């Protein structure tokens, strides 16, 4: 949030485009990331419980996109 001074009193406005941390946590807790991503892309085991597949953000021939279900994260190396 940011503050704006108006007639010597602070007025608080929510920051546009910012998603509250509670909402992000609720989404992450509701559905595992590997379930969501696997609906759109084909993955195979990458070791250590991770999954790998072709990056959805650019064309490539070898898989560089990884999903870590235990941490709820993804990473594209391309």
C-alpha atoms as a PDB file:
ATOM      1  CA  UNK A   1       0.000   0.000   0.000  1.00  0.00           C
ATOM      2  CA  UNK A   2       1.086   3.540  -0.530  1.00  0.00           C
ATOM      3  CA  UNK A   3       0.031   6.680   1.276  1.00  0.00           C
ATOM      4  CA  UNK A   4      -1.145   9.992  -0.073  1.00  0.00           C
ATOM      5  CA  UNK A   5      -1.371  13.155   2.008  1.00  0.00           C
ATOM      6  CA  UNK A   6      -4.672  14.948   1.686  1.00  0.00           C
ATOM      7  CA  UNK A   7      -5.404  17.927   3.964  1.00  0.00           C
ATOM      8  CA  UNK A   8      -2.792  16.762   6.459  1.00  0.00           C
ATOM      9  CA  UNK A   9      -4.210  13.264   6.902  1.00  0.00           C
ATOM     10  CA  UNK A  10      -2.858  10.080   5.375  1.00  0.00           C
ATOM     11  CA  UNK A  11      -5.100   8.248   2.937  1.00  0.00           C
ATOM     12  CA  UNK A  12      -4.217   4.599   2.146  1.00  0.00           C
ATOM     13  CA  UNK A  13      -4.773   3.091  -1.278  1.00  0.00           C
ATOM     14  CA  UNK A  14      -4.147  -0.545  -2.264  1.00  0.00           C
ATOM     15  CA  UNK A  15      -1.346  -0.989  -4.788  1.00  0.00           C
ATOM     16  CA  UNK A  16      -2.811  -1.775  -8.211  1.00  0.00           C
ATOM     17  CA  UNK A  17      -2.033  -5.243  -9.551  1.00  0.00           C
ATOM     18  CA  UNK A  18      -0.713  -6.598  -6.251  1.00  0.00           C
ATOM     19  CA  UNK A  19      -2.179  -9.936  -5.196  1.00  0.00           C
ATOM     20  CA  UNK A  20      -2.375 -10.408  -1.453  1.00  0.00           C
ATOM     21  CA  UNK A  21      -0.093 -13.056   0.056  1.00  0.00           C
ATOM     22  CA  UNK A  22      -3.084 -14.820   1.633  1.00  0.00           C
ATOM     23  CA  UNK A  23      -4.678 -15.268  -1.807  1.00  0.00           C
ATOM     24  CA  UNK A  24      -1.457 -16.657  -3.300  1.00  0.00           C
ATOM     25  CA  UNK A  25      -1.150 -19.130  -0.415  1.00  0.00           C
ATOM     26  CA  UNK A  26      -4.786 -20.225  -0.831  1.00  0.00           C
ATOM     27  CA  UNK A  27      -4.230 -21.012  -4.525  1.00  0.00           C
ATOM     28  CA  UNK A  28      -0.966 -22.860  -3.865  1.00  0.00           C
ATOM     29  CA  UNK A  29      -2.596 -24.919  -1.126  1.00  0.00           C
ATOM     30  CA  UNK A  30      -5.673 -25.737  -3.231  1.00  0.00           C
ATOM     31  CA  UNK A  31      -3.976 -27.323  -6.257  1.00  0.00           C
ATOM     32  CA  UNK A  32      -0.424 -28.714  -6.612  1.00  0.00           C
ATOM     33  CA  UNK A  33       1.579 -26.981  -9.360  1.00  0.00           C
ATOM     34  CA  UNK A  34       2.453 -30.256 -11.110  1.00  0.00           C
ATOM     35  CA  UNK A  35      -1.262 -31.062 -11.487  1.00  0.00           C
ATOM     36  CA  UNK A  36      -1.974 -27.714 -13.143  1.00  0.00           C
ATOM     37  CA  UNK A  37       1.073 -27.688 -15.434  1.00  0.00           C
ATOM     38  CA  UNK A  38       0.606 -31.338 -16.454  1.00  0.00           C
ATOM     39  CA  UNK A  39      -2.822 -30.467 -17.881  1.00  0.00           C
ATOM     40  CA  UNK A  40      -1.104 -28.342 -20.542  1.00  0.00           C
ATOM     41  CA  UNK A  41       2.326 -29.935 -21.061  1.00  0.00           C
ATOM     42  CA  UNK A  42       3.869 -33.378 -21.118  1.00  0.00           C
ATOM     43  CA  UNK A  43       6.530 -33.985 -18.471  1.00  0.00           C
ATOM     44  CA  UNK A  44       8.828 -36.815 -17.479  1.00  0.00           C
ATOM     45  CA  UNK A  45      10.779 -37.442 -14.268  1.00  0.00           C
ATOM     46  CA  UNK A  46      13.952 -35.364 -13.902  1.00  0.00           C
ATOM     47  CA  UNK A  47      15.289 -36.914 -10.697  1.00  0.00           C
ATOM     48  CA  UNK A  48      14.885 -35.739  -7.137  1.00  0.00           C
ATOM     49  CA  UNK A  49      11.105 -35.663  -7.519  1.00  0.00           C
ATOM     50  CA  UNK A  50      11.279 -32.944 -10.196  1.00  0.00           C
ATOM     51  CA  UNK A  51       9.617 -33.057 -13.602  1.00  0.00           C
ATOM     52  CA  UNK A  52      10.998 -31.747 -16.903  1.00  0.00           C
ATOM     53  CA  UNK A  53       9.569 -30.950 -20.298  1.00  0.00           C
ATOM     54  CA  UNK A  54       9.746 -28.575 -23.237  1.00  0.00           C
ATOM     55  CA  UNK A  55       9.529 -24.918 -22.226  1.00  0.00           C
ATOM     56  CA  UNK A  56       6.107 -23.429 -22.988  1.00  0.00           C
ATOM     57  CA  UNK A  57       7.548 -19.924 -23.401  1.00  0.00           C
ATOM     58  CA  UNK A  58       9.765 -20.563 -26.452  1.00  0.00           C
ATOM     59  CA  UNK A  59      10.485 -23.184 -29.104  1.00  0.00           C
ATOM     60  CA  UNK A  60      13.107 -25.765 -28.198  1.00  0.00           C
ATOM     61  CA  UNK A  61      14.045 -29.342 -29.014  1.00  0.00           C
ATOM     62  CA  UNK A  62      15.457 -30.481 -25.684  1.00  0.00           C
ATOM     63  CA  UNK A  63      13.542 -30.129 -22.391  1.00  0.00           C
ATOM     64  CA  UNK A  64      14.682 -27.263 -20.168  1.00  0.00           C
ATOM     65  CA  UNK A  65      11.507 -26.462 -18.228  1.00  0.00           C
ATOM     66  CA  UNK A  66      11.458 -27.984 -14.730  1.00  0.00           C
ATOM     67  CA  UNK A  67       8.763 -28.223 -12.079  1.00  0.00           C
ATOM     68  CA  UNK A  68       9.521 -28.923  -8.418  1.00  0.00           C
ATOM     69  CA  UNK A  69       6.243 -30.183  -6.888  1.00  0.00           C
ATOM     70  CA  UNK A  70       7.641 -30.308  -3.339  1.00  0.00           C
ATOM     71  CA  UNK A  71       8.413 -26.570  -3.402  1.00  0.00           C
ATOM     72  CA  UNK A  72       5.586 -25.542  -5.734  1.00  0.00           C
ATOM     73  CA  UNK A  73       8.029 -23.870  -8.154  1.00  0.00           C
ATOM     74  CA  UNK A  74       8.885 -23.968 -11.847  1.00  0.00           C
ATOM     75  CA  UNK A  75      12.021 -22.867 -13.680  1.00  0.00           C
ATOM     76  CA  UNK A  76      12.777 -22.409 -17.358  1.00  0.00           C
ATOM     77  CA  UNK A  77      16.431 -22.482 -18.357  1.00  0.00           C
ATOM     78  CA  UNK A  78      15.903 -21.278 -21.931  1.00  0.00           C
END
